[in-house]
Amino acid sequence: IIGGVGPLATMFIGEMIVRRTKASTDQEHVHIIIDNDTTIPDRT
């Protein structure tokens, strides 16, 4: 996940993925690498 665009939405999608994945143990969840890069200039 390319994050930091914005930071709160980055954290929220991580939560969304965990909550929406059909899983009953830690090991059954998606392996996610998040780069919360707040240095990315404003897109608009």
PDB file of all heavy atoms in Angstrom:
ATOM      1  N   ILE A   1       0.849  -1.193   0.000  1.00  0.00           N
ATOM      2  CA  ILE A   1       0.000   0.000   0.000  1.00  0.00           C
ATOM      3  C   ILE A   1       0.882   1.239   0.000  1.00  0.00           C
ATOM      4  O   ILE A   1       1.703   1.434   0.902  1.00  0.00           O
ATOM      5  CB  ILE A   1      -0.934   0.037   1.221  1.00  0.00           C
ATOM      6  CG1 ILE A   1      -1.887  -1.161   1.202  1.00  0.00           C
ATOM      7  CG2 ILE A   1      -1.718   1.345   1.263  1.00  0.00           C
ATOM      8  CD1 ILE A   1      -2.811  -1.238   2.408  1.00  0.00           C
ATOM      9  N   ILE A   2       0.718   2.076  -1.030  1.00  0.00           N
ATOM     10  CA  ILE A   2       1.375   3.383  -1.050  1.00  0.00           C
ATOM     11  C   ILE A   2       0.492   4.320  -0.249  1.00  0.00           C
ATOM     12  O   ILE A   2      -0.597   4.702  -0.689  1.00  0.00           O
ATOM     13  CB  ILE A   2       1.563   3.908  -2.478  1.00  0.00           C
ATOM     14  CG1 ILE A   2       2.450   2.966  -3.295  1.00  0.00           C
ATOM     15  CG2 ILE A   2       2.172   5.321  -2.448  1.00  0.00           C
ATOM     16  CD1 ILE A   2       2.614   3.375  -4.748  1.00  0.00           C
ATOM     17  N   GLY A   3       0.925   4.679   0.936  1.00  0.00           N
ATOM     18  CA  GLY A   3       0.117   5.482   1.840  1.00  0.00           C
ATOM     19  C   GLY A   3       0.611   6.908   1.999  1.00  0.00           C
ATOM     20  O   GLY A   3       1.439   7.387   1.238  1.00  0.00           O
ATOM     21  N   GLY A   4       0.039   7.574   2.986  1.00  0.00           N
ATOM     22  CA  GLY A   4       0.381   8.968   3.244  1.00  0.00           C
ATOM     23  C   GLY A   4      -0.435   9.937   2.415  1.00  0.00           C
ATOM     24  O   GLY A   4      -0.184  11.148   2.445  1.00  0.00           O
ATOM     25  N   VAL A   5      -1.440   9.399   1.671  1.00  0.00           N
ATOM     26  CA  VAL A   5      -2.166  10.226   0.685  1.00  0.00           C
ATOM     27  C   VAL A   5      -3.677  10.123   0.841  1.00  0.00           C
ATOM     28  O   VAL A   5      -4.355   9.717  -0.096  1.00  0.00           O
ATOM     29  CB  VAL A   5      -1.744   9.795  -0.747  1.00  0.00           C
ATOM     30  CG1 VAL A   5      -0.393  10.325  -1.127  1.00  0.00           C
ATOM     31  CG2 VAL A   5      -1.738   8.252  -0.903  1.00  0.00           C
ATOM     32  N   GLY A   6      -4.299  10.469   1.988  1.00  0.00           N
ATOM     33  CA  GLY A   6      -3.678  10.963   3.181  1.00  0.00           C
ATOM     34  C   GLY A   6      -3.434   9.882   4.224  1.00  0.00           C
ATOM     35  O   GLY A   6      -3.883   8.738   4.088  1.00  0.00           O
ATOM     36  N   PRO A   7      -2.780  10.262   5.288  1.00  0.00           N
ATOM     37  CA  PRO A   7      -2.386   9.319   6.334  1.00  0.00           C
ATOM     38  C   PRO A   7      -3.556   8.606   7.011  1.00  0.00           C
ATOM     39  O   PRO A   7      -3.478   7.409   7.287  1.00  0.00           O
ATOM     40  CB  PRO A   7      -1.631  10.209   7.331  1.00  0.00           C
ATOM     41  CG  PRO A   7      -1.174  11.379   6.523  1.00  0.00           C
ATOM     42  CD  PRO A   7      -2.237  11.610   5.499  1.00  0.00           C
ATOM     43  N   LEU A   8      -4.657   9.339   7.282  1.00  0.00           N
ATOM     44  CA  LEU A   8      -5.785   8.710   7.963  1.00  0.00           C
ATOM     45  C   LEU A   8      -6.459   7.681   7.065  1.00  0.00           C
ATOM     46  O   LEU A   8      -6.827   6.591   7.520  1.00  0.00           O
ATOM     47  CB  LEU A   8      -6.794   9.780   8.394  1.00  0.00           C
ATOM     48  CG  LEU A   8      -7.936   9.310   9.313  1.00  0.00           C
ATOM     49  CD1 LEU A   8      -7.390   8.641  10.564  1.00  0.00           C
ATOM     50  CD2 LEU A   8      -8.829  10.495   9.683  1.00  0.00           C
ATOM     51  N   ALA A   9      -6.592   8.006   5.778  1.00  0.00           N
ATOM     52  CA  ALA A   9      -7.180   7.048   4.834  1.00  0.00           C
ATOM     53  C   ALA A   9      -6.312   5.799   4.714  1.00  0.00           C
ATOM     54  O   ALA A   9      -6.818   4.692   4.526  1.00  0.00           O
ATOM     55  CB  ALA A   9      -7.343   7.706   3.457  1.00  0.00           C
ATOM     56  N   THR A  10      -4.997   5.980   4.840  1.00  0.00           N
ATOM     57  CA  THR A  10      -4.073   4.839   4.786  1.00  0.00           C
ATOM     58  C   THR A  10      -4.331   3.878   5.942  1.00  0.00           C
ATOM     59  O   THR A  10      -4.417   2.657   5.762  1.00  0.00           O
ATOM     60  CB  THR A  10      -2.621   5.324   4.840  1.00  0.00           C
ATOM     61  OG1 THR A  10      -2.392   6.215   3.745  1.00  0.00           O
ATOM     62  CG2 THR A  10      -1.644   4.163   4.768  1.00  0.00           C
ATOM     63  N   MET A  11      -4.463   4.432   7.130  1.00  0.00           N
ATOM     64  CA  MET A  11      -4.727   3.593   8.292  1.00  0.00           C
ATOM     65  C   MET A  11      -6.112   2.944   8.189  1.00  0.00           C
ATOM     66  O   MET A  11      -6.302   1.791   8.585  1.00  0.00           O
ATOM     67  CB  MET A  11      -4.649   4.429   9.570  1.00  0.00           C
ATOM     68  CG  MET A  11      -3.271   5.044   9.837  1.00  0.00           C
ATOM     69  SD  MET A  11      -1.940   3.797   9.974  1.00  0.00           S
ATOM     70  CE  MET A  11      -1.134   3.997   8.377  1.00  0.00           C
ATOM     71  N   PHE A  12      -7.054   3.681   7.606  1.00  0.00           N
ATOM     72  CA  PHE A  12      -8.418   3.165   7.505  1.00  0.00           C
ATOM     73  C   PHE A  12      -8.509   2.000   6.520  1.00  0.00           C
ATOM     74  O   PHE A  12      -9.204   1.018   6.781  1.00  0.00           O
ATOM     75  CB  PHE A  12      -9.360   4.295   7.104  1.00  0.00           C
ATOM     76  CG  PHE A  12     -10.818   3.932   7.153  1.00  0.00           C
ATOM     77  CD1 PHE A  12     -11.295   2.968   8.045  1.00  0.00           C
ATOM     78  CD2 PHE A  12     -11.733   4.547   6.322  1.00  0.00           C
ATOM     79  CE1 PHE A  12     -12.639   2.632   8.091  1.00  0.00           C
ATOM     80  CE2 PHE A  12     -13.079   4.221   6.356  1.00  0.00           C
ATOM     81  CZ  PHE A  12     -13.533   3.264   7.247  1.00  0.00           C
ATOM     82  N   ILE A  13      -7.797   2.072   5.384  1.00  0.00           N
ATOM     83  CA  ILE A  13      -7.880   0.951   4.446  1.00  0.00           C
ATOM     84  C   ILE A  13      -7.233  -0.294   5.046  1.00  0.00           C
ATOM     85  O   ILE A  13      -7.683  -1.420   4.811  1.00  0.00           O
ATOM     86  CB  ILE A  13      -7.285   1.266   3.056  1.00  0.00           C
ATOM     87  CG1 ILE A  13      -7.690   0.164   2.069  1.00  0.00           C
ATOM     88  CG2 ILE A  13      -5.770   1.422   3.107  1.00  0.00           C
ATOM     89  CD1 ILE A  13      -7.323   0.417   0.638  1.00  0.00           C
ATOM     90  N   GLY A  14      -6.187  -0.101   5.850  1.00  0.00           N
ATOM     91  CA  GLY A  14      -5.602  -1.255   6.535  1.00  0.00           C
ATOM     92  C   GLY A  14      -6.625  -1.933   7.428  1.00  0.00           C
ATOM     93  O   GLY A  14      -6.770  -3.162   7.427  1.00  0.00           O
ATOM     94  N   GLU A  15      -7.375  -1.126   8.170  1.00  0.00           N
ATOM     95  CA  GLU A  15      -8.429  -1.669   9.034  1.00  0.00           C
ATOM     96  C   GLU A  15      -9.525  -2.327   8.199  1.00  0.00           C
ATOM     97  O   GLU A  15     -10.029  -3.407   8.539  1.00  0.00           O
ATOM     98  CB  GLU A  15      -9.036  -0.551   9.876  1.00  0.00           C
ATOM     99  CG  GLU A  15     -10.171  -1.015  10.777  1.00  0.00           C
ATOM    100  CD  GLU A  15     -10.829   0.106  11.543  1.00  0.00           C
ATOM    101  OE1 GLU A  15     -10.243   1.213  11.620  1.00  0.00           O
ATOM    102  OE2 GLU A  15     -11.939  -0.104  12.054  1.00  0.00           O
ATOM    103  N   MET A  16      -9.909  -1.661   7.092  1.00  0.00           N
ATOM    104  CA  MET A  16     -10.947  -2.218   6.216  1.00  0.00           C
ATOM    105  C   MET A  16     -10.573  -3.606   5.719  1.00  0.00           C
ATOM    106  O   MET A  16     -11.394  -4.526   5.709  1.00  0.00           O
ATOM    107  CB  MET A  16     -11.154  -1.302   5.001  1.00  0.00           C
ATOM    108  CG  MET A  16     -12.096  -0.162   5.190  1.00  0.00           C
ATOM    109  SD  MET A  16     -12.299   0.680   3.590  1.00  0.00           S
ATOM    110  CE  MET A  16     -13.645   1.787   3.978  1.00  0.00           C
ATOM    111  N   ILE A  17      -9.330  -3.749   5.274  1.00  0.00           N
ATOM    112  CA  ILE A  17      -8.881  -5.027   4.719  1.00  0.00           C
ATOM    113  C   ILE A  17      -8.941  -6.116   5.786  1.00  0.00           C
ATOM    114  O   ILE A  17      -9.402  -7.234   5.536  1.00  0.00           O
ATOM    115  CB  ILE A  17      -7.476  -4.897   4.110  1.00  0.00           C
ATOM    116  CG1 ILE A  17      -7.541  -4.031   2.842  1.00  0.00           C
ATOM    117  CG2 ILE A  17      -6.884  -6.269   3.779  1.00  0.00           C
ATOM    118  CD1 ILE A  17      -6.192  -3.652   2.277  1.00  0.00           C
ATOM    119  N   VAL A  18      -8.497  -5.793   6.979  1.00  0.00           N
ATOM    120  CA  VAL A  18      -8.543  -6.781   8.067  1.00  0.00           C
ATOM    121  C   VAL A  18      -9.985  -7.157   8.389  1.00  0.00           C
ATOM    122  O   VAL A  18     -10.322  -8.337   8.523  1.00  0.00           O
ATOM    123  CB  VAL A  18      -7.823  -6.234   9.323  1.00  0.00           C
ATOM    124  CG1 VAL A  18      -8.071  -7.152  10.521  1.00  0.00           C
ATOM    125  CG2 VAL A  18      -6.329  -6.098   9.063  1.00  0.00           C
ATOM    126  N   ARG A  19     -10.860  -6.170   8.501  1.00  0.00           N
ATOM    127  CA  ARG A  19     -12.246  -6.433   8.877  1.00  0.00           C
ATOM    128  C   ARG A  19     -13.025  -7.139   7.775  1.00  0.00           C
ATOM    129  O   ARG A  19     -13.961  -7.895   8.058  1.00  0.00           O
ATOM    130  CB  ARG A  19     -12.945  -5.126   9.253  1.00  0.00           C
ATOM    131  CG  ARG A  19     -12.422  -4.521  10.552  1.00  0.00           C
ATOM    132  CD  ARG A  19     -13.275  -3.349  10.988  1.00  0.00           C
ATOM    133  NE  ARG A  19     -12.781  -2.758  12.220  1.00  0.00           N
ATOM    134  CZ  ARG A  19     -13.041  -3.225  13.440  1.00  0.00           C
ATOM    135  NH1 ARG A  19     -13.794  -4.308  13.581  1.00  0.00           N
ATOM    136  NH2 ARG A  19     -12.559  -2.629  14.507  1.00  0.00           N
ATOM    137  N   ARG A  20     -12.667  -6.909   6.505  1.00  0.00           N
ATOM    138  CA  ARG A  20     -13.410  -7.480   5.396  1.00  0.00           C
ATOM    139  C   ARG A  20     -12.857  -8.809   4.908  1.00  0.00           C
ATOM    140  O   ARG A  20     -13.460  -9.457   4.059  1.00  0.00           O
ATOM    141  CB  ARG A  20     -13.458  -6.487   4.218  1.00  0.00           C
ATOM    142  CG  ARG A  20     -14.211  -5.202   4.511  1.00  0.00           C
ATOM    143  CD  ARG A  20     -15.691  -5.438   4.693  1.00  0.00           C
ATOM    144  NE  ARG A  20     -16.336  -5.784   3.426  1.00  0.00           N
ATOM    145  CZ  ARG A  20     -17.391  -6.561   3.314  1.00  0.00           C
ATOM    146  NH1 ARG A  20     -17.921  -7.127   4.387  1.00  0.00           N
ATOM    147  NH2 ARG A  20     -17.933  -6.810   2.124  1.00  0.00           N
ATOM    148  N   THR A  21     -11.705  -9.234   5.421  1.00  0.00           N
ATOM    149  CA  THR A  21     -11.134 -10.517   5.018  1.00  0.00           C
ATOM    150  C   THR A  21     -11.777 -11.654   5.812  1.00  0.00           C
ATOM    151  O   THR A  21     -11.895 -11.576   7.038  1.00  0.00           O
ATOM    152  CB  THR A  21      -9.606 -10.539   5.249  1.00  0.00           C
ATOM    153  OG1 THR A  21      -9.009  -9.478   4.503  1.00  0.00           O
ATOM    154  CG2 THR A  21      -9.002 -11.857   4.804  1.00  0.00           C
ATOM    155  N   LYS A  22     -12.172 -12.691   5.107  1.00  0.00           N
ATOM    156  CA  LYS A  22     -12.729 -13.866   5.774  1.00  0.00           C
ATOM    157  C   LYS A  22     -11.578 -14.635   6.418  1.00  0.00           C
ATOM    158  O   LYS A  22     -10.782 -15.281   5.743  1.00  0.00           O
ATOM    159  CB  LYS A  22     -13.460 -14.743   4.758  1.00  0.00           C
ATOM    160  CG  LYS A  22     -14.200 -15.921   5.377  1.00  0.00           C
ATOM    161  CD  LYS A  22     -14.969 -16.691   4.323  1.00  0.00           C
ATOM    162  CE  LYS A  22     -15.740 -17.850   4.934  1.00  0.00           C
ATOM    163  NZ  LYS A  22     -16.500 -18.606   3.897  1.00  0.00           N
ATOM    164  N   ALA A  23     -11.476 -14.538   7.727  1.00  0.00           N
ATOM    165  CA  ALA A  23     -10.355 -15.153   8.446  1.00  0.00           C
ATOM    166  C   ALA A  23     -10.749 -15.385   9.898  1.00  0.00           C
ATOM    167  O   ALA A  23     -11.548 -14.641  10.467  1.00  0.00           O
ATOM    168  CB  ALA A  23      -9.123 -14.250   8.380  1.00  0.00           C
ATOM    169  N   SER A  24     -10.172 -16.428  10.498  1.00  0.00           N
ATOM    170  CA  SER A  24     -10.442 -16.728  11.904  1.00  0.00           C
ATOM    171  C   SER A  24      -9.161 -16.759  12.734  1.00  0.00           C
ATOM    172  O   SER A  24      -9.220 -16.884  13.957  1.00  0.00           O
ATOM    173  CB  SER A  24     -11.175 -18.071  12.030  1.00  0.00           C
ATOM    174  OG  SER A  24     -10.443 -19.103  11.392  1.00  0.00           O
ATOM    175  N   THR A  25      -8.004 -16.649  12.072  1.00  0.00           N
ATOM    176  CA  THR A  25      -6.724 -16.599  12.790  1.00  0.00           C
ATOM    177  C   THR A  25      -5.848 -15.521  12.169  1.00  0.00           C
ATOM    178  O   THR A  25      -6.094 -15.056  11.051  1.00  0.00           O
ATOM    179  CB  THR A  25      -5.968 -17.945  12.701  1.00  0.00           C
ATOM    180  OG1 THR A  25      -5.578 -18.168  11.329  1.00  0.00           O
ATOM    181  CG2 THR A  25      -6.830 -19.102  13.177  1.00  0.00           C
ATOM    182  N   ASP A  26      -4.795 -15.130  12.879  1.00  0.00           N
ATOM    183  CA  ASP A  26      -3.853 -14.140  12.342  1.00  0.00           C
ATOM    184  C   ASP A  26      -3.296 -14.589  10.991  1.00  0.00           C
ATOM    185  O   ASP A  26      -3.143 -13.790  10.067  1.00  0.00           O
ATOM    186  CB  ASP A  26      -2.674 -13.948  13.303  1.00  0.00           C
ATOM    187  CG  ASP A  26      -3.073 -13.302  14.616  1.00  0.00           C
ATOM    188  OD1 ASP A  26      -4.213 -12.799  14.718  1.00  0.00           O
ATOM    189  OD2 ASP A  26      -2.240 -13.310  15.543  1.00  0.00           O
ATOM    190  N   GLN A  27      -2.997 -15.872  10.894  1.00  0.00           N
ATOM    191  CA  GLN A  27      -2.323 -16.403   9.720  1.00  0.00           C
ATOM    192  C   GLN A  27      -3.214 -16.440   8.471  1.00  0.00           C
ATOM    193  O   GLN A  27      -2.714 -16.638   7.368  1.00  0.00           O
ATOM    194  CB  GLN A  27      -1.789 -17.811  10.020  1.00  0.00           C
ATOM    195  CG  GLN A  27      -0.688 -17.853  11.070  1.00  0.00           C
ATOM    196  CD  GLN A  27      -1.195 -17.619  12.490  1.00  0.00           C
ATOM    197  OE1 GLN A  27      -2.358 -17.895  12.805  1.00  0.00           O
ATOM    198  NE2 GLN A  27      -0.324 -17.081  13.347  1.00  0.00           N
ATOM    199  N   GLU A  28      -4.516 -16.236   8.650  1.00  0.00           N
ATOM    200  CA  GLU A  28      -5.441 -16.278   7.519  1.00  0.00           C
ATOM    201  C   GLU A  28      -5.718 -14.889   6.932  1.00  0.00           C
ATOM    202  O   GLU A  28      -6.521 -14.749   6.018  1.00  0.00           O
ATOM    203  CB  GLU A  28      -6.755 -16.939   7.951  1.00  0.00           C
ATOM    204  CG  GLU A  28      -6.595 -18.420   8.279  1.00  0.00           C
ATOM    205  CD  GLU A  28      -7.876 -19.049   8.795  1.00  0.00           C
ATOM    206  OE1 GLU A  28      -8.819 -18.297   9.155  1.00  0.00           O
ATOM    207  OE2 GLU A  28      -7.954 -20.287   8.827  1.00  0.00           O
ATOM    208  N   HIS A  29      -5.030 -13.883   7.456  1.00  0.00           N
ATOM    209  CA  HIS A  29      -5.200 -12.519   6.955  1.00  0.00           C
ATOM    210  C   HIS A  29      -4.176 -12.203   5.864  1.00  0.00           C
ATOM    211  O   HIS A  29      -3.166 -12.896   5.699  1.00  0.00           O
ATOM    212  CB  HIS A  29      -5.069 -11.510   8.095  1.00  0.00           C
ATOM    213  CG  HIS A  29      -6.307 -11.402   8.926  1.00  0.00           C
ATOM    214  ND1 HIS A  29      -7.393 -10.641   8.549  1.00  0.00           N
ATOM    215  CD2 HIS A  29      -6.632 -11.980  10.112  1.00  0.00           C
ATOM    216  CE1 HIS A  29      -8.338 -10.750   9.468  1.00  0.00           C
ATOM    217  NE2 HIS A  29      -7.904 -11.552  10.433  1.00  0.00           N
ATOM    218  N   VAL A  30      -4.458 -11.126   5.121  1.00  0.00           N
ATOM    219  CA  VAL A  30      -3.583 -10.684   4.030  1.00  0.00           C
ATOM    220  C   VAL A  30      -2.272 -10.151   4.596  1.00  0.00           C
ATOM    221  O   VAL A  30      -2.256  -9.383   5.572  1.00  0.00           O
ATOM    222  CB  VAL A  30      -4.266  -9.579   3.203  1.00  0.00           C
ATOM    223  CG1 VAL A  30      -3.366  -9.143   2.039  1.00  0.00           C
ATOM    224  CG2 VAL A  30      -5.621 -10.043   2.678  1.00  0.00           C
ATOM    225  N   HIS A  31      -1.167 -10.577   3.977  1.00  0.00           N
ATOM    226  CA  HIS A  31       0.146 -10.007   4.310  1.00  0.00           C
ATOM    227  C   HIS A  31       0.237  -8.648   3.627  1.00  0.00           C
ATOM    228  O   HIS A  31       0.179  -8.540   2.406  1.00  0.00           O
ATOM    229  CB  HIS A  31       1.253 -10.937   3.807  1.00  0.00           C
ATOM    230  CG  HIS A  31       2.635 -10.462   4.127  1.00  0.00           C
ATOM    231  ND1 HIS A  31       3.757 -11.137   3.705  1.00  0.00           N
ATOM    232  CD2 HIS A  31       3.087  -9.380   4.816  1.00  0.00           C
ATOM    233  CE1 HIS A  31       4.838 -10.506   4.118  1.00  0.00           C
ATOM    234  NE2 HIS A  31       4.449  -9.434   4.791  1.00  0.00           N
ATOM    235  N   ILE A  32       0.356  -7.586   4.433  1.00  0.00           N
ATOM    236  CA  ILE A  32       0.339  -6.221   3.902  1.00  0.00           C
ATOM    237  C   ILE A  32       1.625  -5.490   4.280  1.00  0.00           C
ATOM    238  O   ILE A  32       2.075  -5.545   5.422  1.00  0.00           O
ATOM    239  CB  ILE A  32      -0.860  -5.423   4.453  1.00  0.00           C
ATOM    240  CG1 ILE A  32      -2.177  -6.159   4.191  1.00  0.00           C
ATOM    241  CG2 ILE A  32      -0.893  -4.026   3.843  1.00  0.00           C
ATOM    242  CD1 ILE A  32      -3.380  -5.492   4.843  1.00  0.00           C
ATOM    243  N   ILE A  33       2.191  -4.781   3.298  1.00  0.00           N
ATOM    244  CA  ILE A  33       3.319  -3.876   3.545  1.00  0.00           C
ATOM    245  C   ILE A  33       2.815  -2.469   3.283  1.00  0.00           C
ATOM    246  O   ILE A  33       2.408  -2.139   2.163  1.00  0.00           O
ATOM    247  CB  ILE A  33       4.507  -4.187   2.612  1.00  0.00           C
ATOM    248  CG1 ILE A  33       4.923  -5.657   2.721  1.00  0.00           C
ATOM    249  CG2 ILE A  33       5.680  -3.269   2.928  1.00  0.00           C
ATOM    250  CD1 ILE A  33       5.902  -6.090   1.641  1.00  0.00           C
ATOM    251  N   ILE A  34       2.824  -1.613   4.307  1.00  0.00           N
ATOM    252  CA  ILE A  34       2.316  -0.246   4.176  1.00  0.00           C
ATOM    253  C   ILE A  34       3.473   0.745   4.248  1.00  0.00           C
ATOM    254  O   ILE A  34       4.268   0.718   5.180  1.00  0.00           O
ATOM    255  CB  ILE A  34       1.294   0.085   5.278  1.00  0.00           C
ATOM    256  CG1 ILE A  34       0.097  -0.863   5.207  1.00  0.00           C
ATOM    257  CG2 ILE A  34       0.842   1.541   5.168  1.00  0.00           C
ATOM    258  CD1 ILE A  34      -0.912  -0.670   6.326  1.00  0.00           C
ATOM    259  N   ASP A  35       3.561   1.615   3.237  1.00  0.00           N
ATOM    260  CA  ASP A  35       4.533   2.698   3.245  1.00  0.00           C
ATOM    261  C   ASP A  35       3.757   3.998   3.395  1.00  0.00           C
ATOM    262  O   ASP A  35       3.219   4.536   2.427  1.00  0.00           O
ATOM    263  CB  ASP A  35       5.338   2.699   1.938  1.00  0.00           C
ATOM    264  CG  ASP A  35       6.428   3.768   1.929  1.00  0.00           C
ATOM    265  OD1 ASP A  35       6.542   4.505   2.932  1.00  0.00           O
ATOM    266  OD2 ASP A  35       7.155   3.862   0.919  1.00  0.00           O
ATOM    267  N   ASN A  36       3.663   4.510   4.599  1.00  0.00           N
ATOM    268  CA  ASN A  36       2.885   5.724   4.867  1.00  0.00           C
ATOM    269  C   ASN A  36       3.748   6.946   4.543  1.00  0.00           C
ATOM    270  O   ASN A  36       4.228   7.650   5.430  1.00  0.00           O
ATOM    271  CB  ASN A  36       2.420   5.740   6.322  1.00  0.00           C
ATOM    272  CG  ASN A  36       1.346   6.778   6.573  1.00  0.00           C
ATOM    273  OD1 ASN A  36       0.436   6.920   5.777  1.00  0.00           O
ATOM    274  ND2 ASN A  36       1.456   7.512   7.666  1.00  0.00           N
ATOM    275  N   ASP A  37       3.930   7.186   3.238  1.00  0.00           N
ATOM    276  CA  ASP A  37       4.879   8.200   2.767  1.00  0.00           C
ATOM    277  C   ASP A  37       4.219   9.577   2.727  1.00  0.00           C
ATOM    278  O   ASP A  37       3.601   9.966   1.734  1.00  0.00           O
ATOM    279  CB  ASP A  37       5.398   7.814   1.376  1.00  0.00           C
ATOM    280  CG  ASP A  37       6.479   8.758   0.895  1.00  0.00           C
ATOM    281  OD1 ASP A  37       6.803   9.728   1.626  1.00  0.00           O
ATOM    282  OD2 ASP A  37       6.996   8.550  -0.214  1.00  0.00           O
ATOM    283  N   THR A  38       4.388  10.328   3.800  1.00  0.00           N
ATOM    284  CA  THR A  38       3.783  11.657   3.892  1.00  0.00           C
ATOM    285  C   THR A  38       4.594  12.728   3.162  1.00  0.00           C
ATOM    286  O   THR A  38       4.207  13.899   3.179  1.00  0.00           O
ATOM    287  CB  THR A  38       3.621  12.064   5.366  1.00  0.00           C
ATOM    288  OG1 THR A  38       4.884  11.967   6.023  1.00  0.00           O
ATOM    289  CG2 THR A  38       2.636  11.145   6.071  1.00  0.00           C
ATOM    290  N   THR A  39       5.680  12.347   2.499  1.00  0.00           N
ATOM    291  CA  THR A  39       6.462  13.317   1.718  1.00  0.00           C
ATOM    292  C   THR A  39       5.901  13.502   0.301  1.00  0.00           C
ATOM    293  O   THR A  39       6.347  14.396  -0.415  1.00  0.00           O
ATOM    294  CB  THR A  39       7.941  12.896   1.608  1.00  0.00           C
ATOM    295  OG1 THR A  39       8.041  11.706   0.785  1.00  0.00           O
ATOM    296  CG2 THR A  39       8.542  12.612   2.973  1.00  0.00           C
ATOM    297  N   ILE A  40       4.941  12.670  -0.107  1.00  0.00           N
ATOM    298  CA  ILE A  40       4.379  12.788  -1.463  1.00  0.00           C
ATOM    299  C   ILE A  40       3.668  14.139  -1.595  1.00  0.00           C
ATOM    300  O   ILE A  40       2.778  14.451  -0.799  1.00  0.00           O
ATOM    301  CB  ILE A  40       3.389  11.642  -1.751  1.00  0.00           C
ATOM    302  CG1 ILE A  40       4.086  10.279  -1.648  1.00  0.00           C
ATOM    303  CG2 ILE A  40       2.765  11.810  -3.144  1.00  0.00           C
ATOM    304  CD1 ILE A  40       3.140   9.092  -1.717  1.00  0.00           C
ATOM    305  N   PRO A  41       4.035  14.954  -2.580  1.00  0.00           N
ATOM    306  CA  PRO A  41       3.385  16.258  -2.749  1.00  0.00           C
ATOM    307  C   PRO A  41       1.896  16.134  -3.041  1.00  0.00           C
ATOM    308  O   PRO A  41       1.419  15.104  -3.534  1.00  0.00           O
ATOM    309  CB  PRO A  41       4.126  16.862  -3.956  1.00  0.00           C
ATOM    310  CG  PRO A  41       5.436  16.150  -4.003  1.00  0.00           C
ATOM    311  CD  PRO A  41       5.147  14.754  -3.528  1.00  0.00           C
ATOM    312  N   ASP A  42       1.162  17.195  -2.748  1.00  0.00           N
ATOM    313  CA  ASP A  42      -0.285  17.203  -2.953  1.00  0.00           C
ATOM    314  C   ASP A  42      -0.622  16.994  -4.430  1.00  0.00           C
ATOM    315  O   ASP A  42      -0.124  17.702  -5.302  1.00  0.00           O
ATOM    316  CB  ASP A  42      -0.866  18.525  -2.466  1.00  0.00           C
ATOM    317  CG  ASP A  42      -2.386  18.516  -2.464  1.00  0.00           C
ATOM    318  OD1 ASP A  42      -2.960  18.858  -3.510  1.00  0.00           O
ATOM    319  OD2 ASP A  42      -2.989  18.150  -1.437  1.00  0.00           O
ATOM    320  N   ARG A  43      -1.469  16.025  -4.690  1.00  0.00           N
ATOM    321  CA  ARG A  43      -1.805  15.658  -6.059  1.00  0.00           C
ATOM    322  C   ARG A  43      -2.656  16.719  -6.744  1.00  0.00           C
ATOM    323  O   ARG A  43      -2.398  17.111  -7.881  1.00  0.00           O
ATOM    324  CB  ARG A  43      -2.547  14.306  -6.093  1.00  0.00           C
ATOM    325  CG  ARG A  43      -1.677  13.096  -5.883  1.00  0.00           C
ATOM    326  CD  ARG A  43      -1.058  12.970  -4.492  1.00  0.00           C
ATOM    327  NE  ARG A  43      -2.067  12.935  -3.440  1.00  0.00           N
ATOM    328  CZ  ARG A  43      -1.851  13.300  -2.175  1.00  0.00           C
ATOM    329  NH1 ARG A  43      -0.663  13.751  -1.798  1.00  0.00           N
ATOM    330  NH2 ARG A  43      -2.806  13.221  -1.264  1.00  0.00           N
ATOM    331  N   THR A  44      -3.668  17.230  -6.042  1.00  0.00           N
ATOM    332  CA  THR A  44      -4.530  18.252  -6.622  1.00  0.00           C
ATOM    333  C   THR A  44      -3.752  19.527  -6.930  1.00  0.00           C
ATOM    334  O   THR A  44      -3.951  20.144  -7.986  1.00  0.00           O
ATOM    335  CB  THR A  44      -5.708  18.554  -5.677  1.00  0.00           C
ATOM    336  OG1 THR A  44      -6.585  17.430  -5.659  1.00  0.00           O
ATOM    337  CG2 THR A  44      -6.489  19.777  -6.124  1.00  0.00           C
TER     338      THR A  44
END
